[in-house]
Amino acid sequence: MTIRSQLLKGILEGCLLAIIARETVYGYELAVKLQTQGIDVSEGSIYPILLRLQKEQLIVGEMRKSPSGPNRKYYQLTEKGKTALQAFRSNWENLKRPVDQLLEQKEEY
């Protein structure tokens, strides 16, 4: 597994919660929205996370008719999910700042 994959695996859940917090979306749409932000992930890696988020009651899914093709499951955040997203944002900032500082320091040889 590449370093990028390992890093992404750790933050993907927070990214999905952030997108779902903004709007009700379905699985494939989540993958597209991540890709437009430069986060290239397959649908296959998103669905297991969505299932886990549902089991943890952070999101709820609702089947809706699709304008084209089969019905789609649309996801929205629960109150518990909003709290989890807030915690993710806080943890991300607390981790991001010191990592950025370390990476910005000049190397000494």
PDB file of N, CA and C in Angstrom:
ATOM      1  N   MET A   1       0.849  -1.180   0.000  1.00  0.00           N
ATOM      2  CA  MET A   1       0.000   0.000   0.000  1.00  0.00           C
ATOM      3  C   MET A   1       0.894   1.243   0.000  1.00  0.00           C
ATOM      4  N   THR A   2       0.595   2.203  -0.859  1.00  0.00           N
ATOM      5  CA  THR A   2       1.412   3.406  -0.962  1.00  0.00           C
ATOM      6  C   THR A   2       1.145   4.334   0.218  1.00  0.00           C
ATOM      7  N   ILE A   3       2.067   5.259   0.434  1.00  0.00           N
ATOM      8  CA  ILE A   3       1.889   6.245   1.509  1.00  0.00           C
ATOM      9  C   ILE A   3       0.616   7.043   1.271  1.00  0.00           C
ATOM     10  N   ARG A   4       0.379   7.421   0.016  1.00  0.00           N
ATOM     11  CA  ARG A   4      -0.826   8.183  -0.316  1.00  0.00           C
ATOM     12  C   ARG A   4      -2.085   7.402   0.060  1.00  0.00           C
ATOM     13  N   SER A   5      -2.114   6.107  -0.264  1.00  0.00           N
ATOM     14  CA  SER A   5      -3.274   5.273   0.058  1.00  0.00           C
ATOM     15  C   SER A   5      -3.489   5.182   1.561  1.00  0.00           C
ATOM     16  N   GLN A   6      -2.401   5.033   2.298  1.00  0.00           N
ATOM     17  CA  GLN A   6      -2.504   4.947   3.749  1.00  0.00           C
ATOM     18  C   GLN A   6      -3.034   6.242   4.344  1.00  0.00           C
ATOM     19  N   LEU A   7      -2.535   7.369   3.869  1.00  0.00           N
ATOM     20  CA  LEU A   7      -3.009   8.669   4.359  1.00  0.00           C
ATOM     21  C   LEU A   7      -4.484   8.870   4.021  1.00  0.00           C
ATOM     22  N   LEU A   8      -4.841   8.543   2.795  1.00  0.00           N
ATOM     23  CA  LEU A   8      -6.210   8.715   2.335  1.00  0.00           C
ATOM     24  C   LEU A   8      -7.179   7.851   3.126  1.00  0.00           C
ATOM     25  N   LYS A   9      -6.772   6.636   3.415  1.00  0.00           N
ATOM     26  CA  LYS A   9      -7.627   5.726   4.170  1.00  0.00           C
ATOM     27  C   LYS A   9      -8.008   6.333   5.513  1.00  0.00           C
ATOM     28  N   GLY A  10      -7.082   7.042   6.122  1.00  0.00           N
ATOM     29  CA  GLY A  10      -7.332   7.651   7.419  1.00  0.00           C
ATOM     30  C   GLY A  10      -8.237   8.868   7.388  1.00  0.00           C
ATOM     31  N   ILE A  11      -8.292   9.564   6.269  1.00  0.00           N
ATOM     32  CA  ILE A  11      -9.077  10.804   6.229  1.00  0.00           C
ATOM     33  C   ILE A  11     -10.332  10.723   5.365  1.00  0.00           C
ATOM     34  N   LEU A  12     -10.512   9.634   4.655  1.00  0.00           N
ATOM     35  CA  LEU A  12     -11.633   9.520   3.719  1.00  0.00           C
ATOM     36  C   LEU A  12     -12.978   9.635   4.424  1.00  0.00           C
ATOM     37  N   GLU A  13     -13.105   9.036   5.591  1.00  0.00           N
ATOM     38  CA  GLU A  13     -14.365   9.107   6.330  1.00  0.00           C
ATOM     39  C   GLU A  13     -14.744  10.563   6.616  1.00  0.00           C
ATOM     40  N   GLY A  14     -13.798  11.351   7.072  1.00  0.00           N
ATOM     41  CA  GLY A  14     -14.062  12.770   7.344  1.00  0.00           C
ATOM     42  C   GLY A  14     -14.431  13.533   6.087  1.00  0.00           C
ATOM     43  N   CYS A  15     -13.780  13.204   4.978  1.00  0.00           N
ATOM     44  CA  CYS A  15     -14.090  13.860   3.704  1.00  0.00           C
ATOM     45  C   CYS A  15     -15.517  13.533   3.261  1.00  0.00           C
ATOM     46  N   LEU A  16     -15.916  12.260   3.418  1.00  0.00           N
ATOM     47  CA  LEU A  16     -17.285  11.873   3.056  1.00  0.00           C
ATOM     48  C   LEU A  16     -18.298  12.592   3.930  1.00  0.00           C
ATOM     49  N   LEU A  17     -18.041  12.658   5.234  1.00  0.00           N
ATOM     50  CA  LEU A  17     -18.958  13.370   6.127  1.00  0.00           C
ATOM     51  C   LEU A  17     -19.076  14.837   5.730  1.00  0.00           C
ATOM     52  N   ALA A  18     -17.967  15.449   5.340  1.00  0.00           N
ATOM     53  CA  ALA A  18     -17.985  16.864   4.952  1.00  0.00           C
ATOM     54  C   ALA A  18     -18.839  17.097   3.710  1.00  0.00           C
ATOM     55  N   ILE A  19     -18.737  16.204   2.735  1.00  0.00           N
ATOM     56  CA  ILE A  19     -19.546  16.343   1.519  1.00  0.00           C
ATOM     57  C   ILE A  19     -21.017  16.131   1.835  1.00  0.00           C
ATOM     58  N   ILE A  20     -21.317  15.079   2.599  1.00  0.00           N
ATOM     59  CA  ILE A  20     -22.710  14.763   2.927  1.00  0.00           C
ATOM     60  C   ILE A  20     -23.329  15.868   3.781  1.00  0.00           C
ATOM     61  N   ALA A  21     -22.522  16.552   4.581  1.00  0.00           N
ATOM     62  CA  ALA A  21     -23.031  17.655   5.405  1.00  0.00           C
ATOM     63  C   ALA A  21     -23.539  18.808   4.540  1.00  0.00           C
ATOM     64  N   ARG A  22     -22.917  18.990   3.378  1.00  0.00           N
ATOM     65  CA  ARG A  22     -23.300  20.094   2.484  1.00  0.00           C
ATOM     66  C   ARG A  22     -24.556  19.800   1.687  1.00  0.00           C
ATOM     67  N   GLU A  23     -24.735  18.514   1.326  1.00  0.00           N
ATOM     68  CA  GLU A  23     -25.894  18.158   0.507  1.00  0.00           C
ATOM     69  C   GLU A  23     -26.153  16.661   0.561  1.00  0.00           C
ATOM     70  N   THR A  24     -27.381  16.275   0.291  1.00  0.00           N
ATOM     71  CA  THR A  24     -27.755  14.868   0.215  1.00  0.00           C
ATOM     72  C   THR A  24     -27.227  14.326  -1.111  1.00  0.00           C
ATOM     73  N   VAL A  25     -26.439  13.250  -1.044  1.00  0.00           N
ATOM     74  CA  VAL A  25     -25.787  12.713  -2.240  1.00  0.00           C
ATOM     75  C   VAL A  25     -25.871  11.188  -2.255  1.00  0.00           C
ATOM     76  N   TYR A  26     -25.642  10.605  -3.427  1.00  0.00           N
ATOM     77  CA  TYR A  26     -25.582   9.151  -3.553  1.00  0.00           C
ATOM     78  C   TYR A  26     -24.133   8.736  -3.788  1.00  0.00           C
ATOM     79  N   GLY A  27     -23.856   7.437  -3.686  1.00  0.00           N
ATOM     80  CA  GLY A  27     -22.495   6.918  -3.694  1.00  0.00           C
ATOM     81  C   GLY A  27     -21.622   7.351  -4.855  1.00  0.00           C
ATOM     82  N   TYR A  28     -22.090   7.141  -6.072  1.00  0.00           N
ATOM     83  CA  TYR A  28     -21.272   7.507  -7.233  1.00  0.00           C
ATOM     84  C   TYR A  28     -21.002   9.006  -7.247  1.00  0.00           C
ATOM     85  N   GLU A  29     -21.998   9.781  -6.856  1.00  0.00           N
ATOM     86  CA  GLU A  29     -21.847  11.236  -6.804  1.00  0.00           C
ATOM     87  C   GLU A  29     -20.748  11.633  -5.813  1.00  0.00           C
ATOM     88  N   LEU A  30     -20.638  10.902  -4.717  1.00  0.00           N
ATOM     89  CA  LEU A  30     -19.563  11.153  -3.746  1.00  0.00           C
ATOM     90  C   LEU A  30     -18.202  10.956  -4.388  1.00  0.00           C
ATOM     91  N   ALA A  31     -18.058   9.870  -5.147  1.00  0.00           N
ATOM     92  CA  ALA A  31     -16.787   9.596  -5.823  1.00  0.00           C
ATOM     93  C   ALA A  31     -16.435  10.725  -6.789  1.00  0.00           C
ATOM     94  N   VAL A  32     -17.413  11.203  -7.525  1.00  0.00           N
ATOM     95  CA  VAL A  32     -17.184  12.295  -8.487  1.00  0.00           C
ATOM     96  C   VAL A  32     -16.773  13.574  -7.755  1.00  0.00           C
ATOM     97  N   LYS A  33     -17.462  13.880  -6.669  1.00  0.00           N
ATOM     98  CA  LYS A  33     -17.140  15.097  -5.913  1.00  0.00           C
ATOM     99  C   LYS A  33     -15.736  15.027  -5.315  1.00  0.00           C
ATOM    100  N   LEU A  34     -15.344  13.864  -4.840  1.00  0.00           N
ATOM    101  CA  LEU A  34     -13.979  13.693  -4.334  1.00  0.00           C
ATOM    102  C   LEU A  34     -12.970  13.885  -5.459  1.00  0.00           C
ATOM    103  N   GLN A  35     -13.263  13.318  -6.626  1.00  0.00           N
ATOM    104  CA  GLN A  35     -12.350  13.441  -7.767  1.00  0.00           C
ATOM    105  C   GLN A  35     -12.196  14.893  -8.208  1.00  0.00           C
ATOM    106  N   THR A  36     -13.275  15.672  -8.151  1.00  0.00           N
ATOM    107  CA  THR A  36     -13.168  17.082  -8.540  1.00  0.00           C
ATOM    108  C   THR A  36     -12.292  17.868  -7.561  1.00  0.00           C
ATOM    109  N   GLN A  37     -12.116  17.334  -6.354  1.00  0.00           N
ATOM    110  CA  GLN A  37     -11.241  17.964  -5.366  1.00  0.00           C
ATOM    111  C   GLN A  37      -9.819  17.401  -5.428  1.00  0.00           C
ATOM    112  N   GLY A  38      -9.576  16.481  -6.378  1.00  0.00           N
ATOM    113  CA  GLY A  38      -8.251  15.905  -6.534  1.00  0.00           C
ATOM    114  C   GLY A  38      -8.012  14.663  -5.694  1.00  0.00           C
ATOM    115  N   ILE A  39      -9.089  14.113  -5.117  1.00  0.00           N
ATOM    116  CA  ILE A  39      -8.981  12.888  -4.318  1.00  0.00           C
ATOM    117  C   ILE A  39      -9.558  11.756  -5.157  1.00  0.00           C
ATOM    118  N   ASP A  40      -8.670  10.985  -5.757  1.00  0.00           N
ATOM    119  CA  ASP A  40      -9.090   9.935  -6.687  1.00  0.00           C
ATOM    120  C   ASP A  40      -9.305   8.625  -5.941  1.00  0.00           C
ATOM    121  N   VAL A  41     -10.562   8.275  -5.722  1.00  0.00           N
ATOM    122  CA  VAL A  41     -10.904   7.010  -5.063  1.00  0.00           C
ATOM    123  C   VAL A  41     -11.975   6.302  -5.884  1.00  0.00           C
ATOM    124  N   SER A  42     -11.989   4.986  -5.768  1.00  0.00           N
ATOM    125  CA  SER A  42     -12.991   4.211  -6.491  1.00  0.00           C
ATOM    126  C   SER A  42     -14.266   4.121  -5.657  1.00  0.00           C
ATOM    127  N   GLU A  43     -15.364   3.853  -6.340  1.00  0.00           N
ATOM    128  CA  GLU A  43     -16.625   3.639  -5.631  1.00  0.00           C
ATOM    129  C   GLU A  43     -16.489   2.467  -4.671  1.00  0.00           C
ATOM    130  N   GLY A  44     -15.716   1.481  -5.068  1.00  0.00           N
ATOM    131  CA  GLY A  44     -15.529   0.287  -4.253  1.00  0.00           C
ATOM    132  C   GLY A  44     -14.941   0.570  -2.886  1.00  0.00           C
ATOM    133  N   SER A  45     -14.188   1.645  -2.768  1.00  0.00           N
ATOM    134  CA  SER A  45     -13.630   1.986  -1.457  1.00  0.00           C
ATOM    135  C   SER A  45     -14.577   2.890  -0.663  1.00  0.00           C
ATOM    136  N   ILE A  46     -15.534   3.491  -1.336  1.00  0.00           N
ATOM    137  CA  ILE A  46     -16.478   4.391  -0.656  1.00  0.00           C
ATOM    138  C   ILE A  46     -17.609   3.619   0.013  1.00  0.00           C
ATOM    139  N   TYR A  47     -18.156   2.629  -0.672  1.00  0.00           N
ATOM    140  CA  TYR A  47     -19.341   1.938  -0.152  1.00  0.00           C
ATOM    141  C   TYR A  47     -19.134   1.238   1.187  1.00  0.00           C
ATOM    142  N   PRO A  48     -18.003   0.581   1.429  1.00  0.00           N
ATOM    143  CA  PRO A  48     -17.812  -0.002   2.766  1.00  0.00           C
ATOM    144  C   PRO A  48     -17.806   1.059   3.878  1.00  0.00           C
ATOM    145  N   ILE A  49     -17.255   2.221   3.574  1.00  0.00           N
ATOM    146  CA  ILE A  49     -17.240   3.311   4.565  1.00  0.00           C
ATOM    147  C   ILE A  49     -18.654   3.822   4.799  1.00  0.00           C
ATOM    148  N   LEU A  50     -19.432   3.970   3.717  1.00  0.00           N
ATOM    149  CA  LEU A  50     -20.825   4.406   3.869  1.00  0.00           C
ATOM    150  C   LEU A  50     -21.623   3.425   4.723  1.00  0.00           C
ATOM    151  N   LEU A  51     -21.388   2.146   4.503  1.00  0.00           N
ATOM    152  CA  LEU A  51     -22.076   1.115   5.291  1.00  0.00           C
ATOM    153  C   LEU A  51     -21.709   1.244   6.773  1.00  0.00           C
ATOM    154  N   ARG A  52     -20.420   1.423   7.046  1.00  0.00           N
ATOM    155  CA  ARG A  52     -19.972   1.582   8.430  1.00  0.00           C
ATOM    156  C   ARG A  52     -20.549   2.849   9.063  1.00  0.00           C
ATOM    157  N   LEU A  53     -20.573   3.945   8.307  1.00  0.00           N
ATOM    158  CA  LEU A  53     -21.131   5.201   8.820  1.00  0.00           C
ATOM    159  C   LEU A  53     -22.614   5.046   9.147  1.00  0.00           C
ATOM    160  N   GLN A  54     -23.328   4.259   8.336  1.00  0.00           N
ATOM    161  CA  GLN A  54     -24.740   3.988   8.621  1.00  0.00           C
ATOM    162  C   GLN A  54     -24.889   3.165   9.896  1.00  0.00           C
ATOM    163  N   LYS A  55     -24.054   2.137  10.040  1.00  0.00           N
ATOM    164  CA  LYS A  55     -24.117   1.291  11.230  1.00  0.00           C
ATOM    165  C   LYS A  55     -23.820   2.089  12.495  1.00  0.00           C
ATOM    166  N   GLU A  56     -22.930   3.064  12.372  1.00  0.00           N
ATOM    167  CA  GLU A  56     -22.580   3.918  13.503  1.00  0.00           C
ATOM    168  C   GLU A  56     -23.589   5.058  13.690  1.00  0.00           C
ATOM    169  N   GLN A  57     -24.600   5.096  12.819  1.00  0.00           N
ATOM    170  CA  GLN A  57     -25.678   6.094  12.848  1.00  0.00           C
ATOM    171  C   GLN A  57     -25.166   7.526  12.656  1.00  0.00           C
ATOM    172  N   LEU A  58     -24.106   7.655  11.855  1.00  0.00           N
ATOM    173  CA  LEU A  58     -23.588   8.978  11.518  1.00  0.00           C
ATOM    174  C   LEU A  58     -24.272   9.528  10.271  1.00  0.00           C
ATOM    175  N   ILE A  59     -24.769   8.618   9.439  1.00  0.00           N
ATOM    176  CA  ILE A  59     -25.529   8.996   8.249  1.00  0.00           C
ATOM    177  C   ILE A  59     -26.745   8.079   8.142  1.00  0.00           C
ATOM    178  N   VAL A  60     -27.727   8.527   7.374  1.00  0.00           N
ATOM    179  CA  VAL A  60     -28.869   7.672   7.036  1.00  0.00           C
ATOM    180  C   VAL A  60     -28.995   7.665   5.526  1.00  0.00           C
ATOM    181  N   GLY A  61     -29.428   6.516   5.002  1.00  0.00           N
ATOM    182  CA  GLY A  61     -29.617   6.379   3.567  1.00  0.00           C
ATOM    183  C   GLY A  61     -31.092   6.208   3.242  1.00  0.00           C
ATOM    184  N   GLU A  62     -31.488   6.785   2.136  1.00  0.00           N
ATOM    185  CA  GLU A  62     -32.886   6.714   1.704  1.00  0.00           C
ATOM    186  C   GLU A  62     -32.919   6.420   0.206  1.00  0.00           C
ATOM    187  N   MET A  63     -33.649   5.379  -0.167  1.00  0.00           N
ATOM    188  CA  MET A  63     -33.790   5.036  -1.585  1.00  0.00           C
ATOM    189  C   MET A  63     -34.737   6.029  -2.248  1.00  0.00           C
ATOM    190  N   ARG A  64     -34.311   6.540  -3.406  1.00  0.00           N
ATOM    191  CA  ARG A  64     -35.122   7.481  -4.177  1.00  0.00           C
ATOM    192  C   ARG A  64     -35.097   7.082  -5.636  1.00  0.00           C
ATOM    193  N   LYS A  65     -36.145   7.466  -6.333  1.00  0.00           N
ATOM    194  CA  LYS A  65     -36.179   7.218  -7.780  1.00  0.00           C
ATOM    195  C   LYS A  65     -35.103   8.052  -8.456  1.00  0.00           C
ATOM    196  N   SER A  66     -34.522   7.452  -9.456  1.00  0.00           N
ATOM    197  CA  SER A  66     -33.498   8.132 -10.231  1.00  0.00           C
ATOM    198  C   SER A  66     -34.138   8.672 -11.507  1.00  0.00           C
ATOM    199  N   PRO A  67     -33.705   9.850 -11.974  1.00  0.00           N
ATOM    200  CA  PRO A  67     -34.227  10.354 -13.240  1.00  0.00           C
ATOM    201  C   PRO A  67     -33.872   9.446 -14.412  1.00  0.00           C
ATOM    202  N   SER A  68     -32.794   8.659 -14.226  1.00  0.00           N
ATOM    203  CA  SER A  68     -32.405   7.702 -15.264  1.00  0.00           C
ATOM    204  C   SER A  68     -31.835   6.469 -14.584  1.00  0.00           C
ATOM    205  N   GLY A  69     -32.326   5.317 -14.933  1.00  0.00           N
ATOM    206  CA  GLY A  69     -31.793   4.079 -14.372  1.00  0.00           C
ATOM    207  C   GLY A  69     -32.466   3.663 -13.074  1.00  0.00           C
ATOM    208  N   PRO A  70     -31.785   2.780 -12.338  1.00  0.00           N
ATOM    209  CA  PRO A  70     -32.383   2.238 -11.106  1.00  0.00           C
ATOM    210  C   PRO A  70     -32.433   3.276  -9.978  1.00  0.00           C
ATOM    211  N   ASN A  71     -33.176   2.941  -8.930  1.00  0.00           N
ATOM    212  CA  ASN A  71     -33.241   3.815  -7.756  1.00  0.00           C
ATOM    213  C   ASN A  71     -31.844   3.995  -7.174  1.00  0.00           C
ATOM    214  N   ARG A  72     -31.664   5.121  -6.470  1.00  0.00           N
ATOM    215  CA  ARG A  72     -30.375   5.422  -5.848  1.00  0.00           C
ATOM    216  C   ARG A  72     -30.570   5.626  -4.358  1.00  0.00           C
ATOM    217  N   LYS A  73     -29.531   5.293  -3.606  1.00  0.00           N
ATOM    218  CA  LYS A  73     -29.571   5.513  -2.167  1.00  0.00           C
ATOM    219  C   LYS A  73     -28.867   6.838  -1.881  1.00  0.00           C
ATOM    220  N   TYR A  74     -29.629   7.784  -1.364  1.00  0.00           N
ATOM    221  CA  TYR A  74     -29.104   9.097  -1.020  1.00  0.00           C
ATOM    222  C   TYR A  74     -28.798   9.145   0.471  1.00  0.00           C
ATOM    223  N   TYR A  75     -27.690   9.779   0.813  1.00  0.00           N
ATOM    224  CA  TYR A  75     -27.221   9.818   2.193  1.00  0.00           C
ATOM    225  C   TYR A  75     -27.303  11.241   2.745  1.00  0.00           C
ATOM    226  N   GLN A  76     -27.649  11.313   4.037  1.00  0.00           N
ATOM    227  CA  GLN A  76     -27.610  12.598   4.730  1.00  0.00           C
ATOM    228  C   GLN A  76     -27.064  12.387   6.137  1.00  0.00           C
ATOM    229  N   LEU A  77     -26.540  13.457   6.712  1.00  0.00           N
ATOM    230  CA  LEU A  77     -25.929  13.407   8.031  1.00  0.00           C
ATOM    231  C   LEU A  77     -26.984  13.387   9.128  1.00  0.00           C
ATOM    232  N   THR A  78     -26.716  12.655  10.188  1.00  0.00           N
ATOM    233  CA  THR A  78     -27.546  12.680  11.388  1.00  0.00           C
ATOM    234  C   THR A  78     -26.923  13.685  12.362  1.00  0.00           C
ATOM    235  N   GLU A  79     -27.591  13.919  13.465  1.00  0.00           N
ATOM    236  CA  GLU A  79     -27.012  14.792  14.495  1.00  0.00           C
ATOM    237  C   GLU A  79     -25.698  14.200  15.002  1.00  0.00           C
ATOM    238  N   LYS A  80     -25.685  12.901  15.177  1.00  0.00           N
ATOM    239  CA  LYS A  80     -24.468  12.212  15.611  1.00  0.00           C
ATOM    240  C   LYS A  80     -23.362  12.388  14.565  1.00  0.00           C
ATOM    241  N   GLY A  81     -23.742  12.386  13.291  1.00  0.00           N
ATOM    242  CA  GLY A  81     -22.784  12.596  12.206  1.00  0.00           C
ATOM    243  C   GLY A  81     -22.221  14.004  12.209  1.00  0.00           C
ATOM    244  N   LYS A  82     -23.064  14.976  12.528  1.00  0.00           N
ATOM    245  CA  LYS A  82     -22.596  16.371  12.611  1.00  0.00           C
ATOM    246  C   LYS A  82     -21.563  16.512  13.723  1.00  0.00           C
ATOM    247  N   THR A  83     -21.807  15.845  14.833  1.00  0.00           N
ATOM    248  CA  THR A  83     -20.857  15.868  15.953  1.00  0.00           C
ATOM    249  C   THR A  83     -19.550  15.200  15.548  1.00  0.00           C
ATOM    250  N   ALA A  84     -19.642  14.072  14.829  1.00  0.00           N
ATOM    251  CA  ALA A  84     -18.452  13.360  14.373  1.00  0.00           C
ATOM    252  C   ALA A  84     -17.650  14.212  13.389  1.00  0.00           C
ATOM    253  N   LEU A  85     -18.342  14.932  12.514  1.00  0.00           N
ATOM    254  CA  LEU A  85     -17.657  15.805  11.557  1.00  0.00           C
ATOM    255  C   LEU A  85     -16.948  16.940  12.286  1.00  0.00           C
ATOM    256  N   GLN A  86     -17.586  17.491  13.264  1.00  0.00           N
ATOM    257  CA  GLN A  86     -16.969  18.566  14.059  1.00  0.00           C
ATOM    258  C   GLN A  86     -15.706  18.046  14.760  1.00  0.00           C
ATOM    259  N   ALA A  87     -15.777  16.836  15.299  1.00  0.00           N
ATOM    260  CA  ALA A  87     -14.616  16.228  15.952  1.00  0.00           C
ATOM    261  C   ALA A  87     -13.500  15.970  14.939  1.00  0.00           C
ATOM    262  N   PHE A  88     -13.868  15.508  13.731  1.00  0.00           N
ATOM    263  CA  PHE A  88     -12.871  15.276  12.687  1.00  0.00           C
ATOM    264  C   PHE A  88     -12.166  16.579  12.325  1.00  0.00           C
ATOM    265  N   ARG A  89     -12.947  17.645  12.145  1.00  0.00           N
ATOM    266  CA  ARG A  89     -12.358  18.952  11.791  1.00  0.00           C
ATOM    267  C   ARG A  89     -11.363  19.402  12.855  1.00  0.00           C
ATOM    268  N   SER A  90     -11.744  19.270  14.106  1.00  0.00           N
ATOM    269  CA  SER A  90     -10.878  19.668  15.210  1.00  0.00           C
ATOM    270  C   SER A  90      -9.606  18.826  15.227  1.00  0.00           C
ATOM    271  N   ASN A  91      -9.755  17.514  15.125  1.00  0.00           N
ATOM    272  CA  ASN A  91      -8.589  16.626  15.113  1.00  0.00           C
ATOM    273  C   ASN A  91      -7.695  16.893  13.913  1.00  0.00           C
ATOM    274  N   TRP A  92      -8.306  17.150  12.767  1.00  0.00           N
ATOM    275  CA  TRP A  92      -7.534  17.425  11.548  1.00  0.00           C
ATOM    276  C   TRP A  92      -6.695  18.688  11.728  1.00  0.00           C
ATOM    277  N   GLU A  93      -7.297  19.740  12.254  1.00  0.00           N
ATOM    278  CA  GLU A  93      -6.555  20.990  12.468  1.00  0.00           C
ATOM    279  C   GLU A  93      -5.420  20.787  13.461  1.00  0.00           C
ATOM    280  N   ASN A  94      -5.676  20.040  14.527  1.00  0.00           N
ATOM    281  CA  ASN A  94      -4.647  19.790  15.537  1.00  0.00           C
ATOM    282  C   ASN A  94      -3.494  18.960  14.994  1.00  0.00           C
ATOM    283  N   LEU A  95      -3.750  18.146  14.001  1.00  0.00           N
ATOM    284  CA  LEU A  95      -2.713  17.330  13.386  1.00  0.00           C
ATOM    285  C   LEU A  95      -2.050  18.050  12.212  1.00  0.00           C
ATOM    286  N   LYS A  96      -2.852  18.762  11.440  1.00  0.00           N
ATOM    287  CA  LYS A  96      -2.371  19.420  10.224  1.00  0.00           C
ATOM    288  C   LYS A  96      -1.338  20.508  10.535  1.00  0.00           C
ATOM    289  N   ARG A  97      -1.612  21.315  11.533  1.00  0.00           N
ATOM    290  CA  ARG A  97      -0.716  22.432  11.863  1.00  0.00           C
ATOM    291  C   ARG A  97       0.708  21.968  12.174  1.00  0.00           C
ATOM    292  N   PRO A  98       0.887  21.030  13.109  1.00  0.00           N
ATOM    293  CA  PRO A  98       2.270  20.625  13.399  1.00  0.00           C
ATOM    294  C   PRO A  98       2.937  19.884  12.238  1.00  0.00           C
ATOM    295  N   VAL A  99       2.181  19.123  11.479  1.00  0.00           N
ATOM    296  CA  VAL A  99       2.769  18.429  10.326  1.00  0.00           C
ATOM    297  C   VAL A  99       3.221  19.456   9.289  1.00  0.00           C
ATOM    298  N   ASP A 100       2.377  20.454   9.011  1.00  0.00           N
ATOM    299  CA  ASP A 100       2.767  21.514   8.078  1.00  0.00           C
ATOM    300  C   ASP A 100       4.033  22.221   8.554  1.00  0.00           C
ATOM    301  N   GLN A 101       4.107  22.505   9.845  1.00  0.00           N
ATOM    302  CA  GLN A 101       5.298  23.179  10.382  1.00  0.00           C
ATOM    303  C   GLN A 101       6.546  22.322  10.192  1.00  0.00           C
ATOM    304  N   LEU A 102       6.420  21.036  10.452  1.00  0.00           N
ATOM    305  CA  LEU A 102       7.565  20.145  10.262  1.00  0.00           C
ATOM    306  C   LEU A 102       8.005  20.083   8.806  1.00  0.00           C
ATOM    307  N   LEU A 103       7.035  20.012   7.909  1.00  0.00           N
ATOM    308  CA  LEU A 103       7.362  19.900   6.488  1.00  0.00           C
ATOM    309  C   LEU A 103       7.923  21.200   5.915  1.00  0.00           C
ATOM    310  N   GLU A 104       7.584  22.329   6.523  1.00  0.00           N
ATOM    311  CA  GLU A 104       8.060  23.621   6.030  1.00  0.00           C
ATOM    312  C   GLU A 104       9.453  23.964   6.539  1.00  0.00           C
ATOM    313  N   GLN A 105       9.936  23.269   7.566  1.00  0.00           N
ATOM    314  CA  GLN A 105      11.258  23.552   8.098  1.00  0.00           C
ATOM    315  C   GLN A 105      12.318  23.138   7.083  1.00  0.00           C
ATOM    316  N   LYS A 106      13.352  23.934   7.011  1.00  0.00           N
ATOM    317  CA  LYS A 106      14.452  23.648   6.093  1.00  0.00           C
ATOM    318  C   LYS A 106      15.249  22.461   6.611  1.00  0.00           C
ATOM    319  N   GLU A 107      15.693  21.660   5.668  1.00  0.00           N
ATOM    320  CA  GLU A 107      16.490  20.487   6.020  1.00  0.00           C
ATOM    321  C   GLU A 107      17.922  20.919   6.335  1.00  0.00           C
ATOM    322  N   GLU A 108      18.507  20.285   7.337  1.00  0.00           N
ATOM    323  CA  GLU A 108      19.902  20.558   7.693  1.00  0.00           C
ATOM    324  C   GLU A 108      20.740  19.330   7.370  1.00  0.00           C
ATOM    325  N   TYR A 109      21.856  19.545   6.691  1.00  0.00           N
ATOM    326  CA  TYR A 109      22.745  18.436   6.349  1.00  0.00           C
ATOM    327  C   TYR A 109      24.124  18.682   6.883  1.00  0.00           C
TER     328      TYR A 109
END
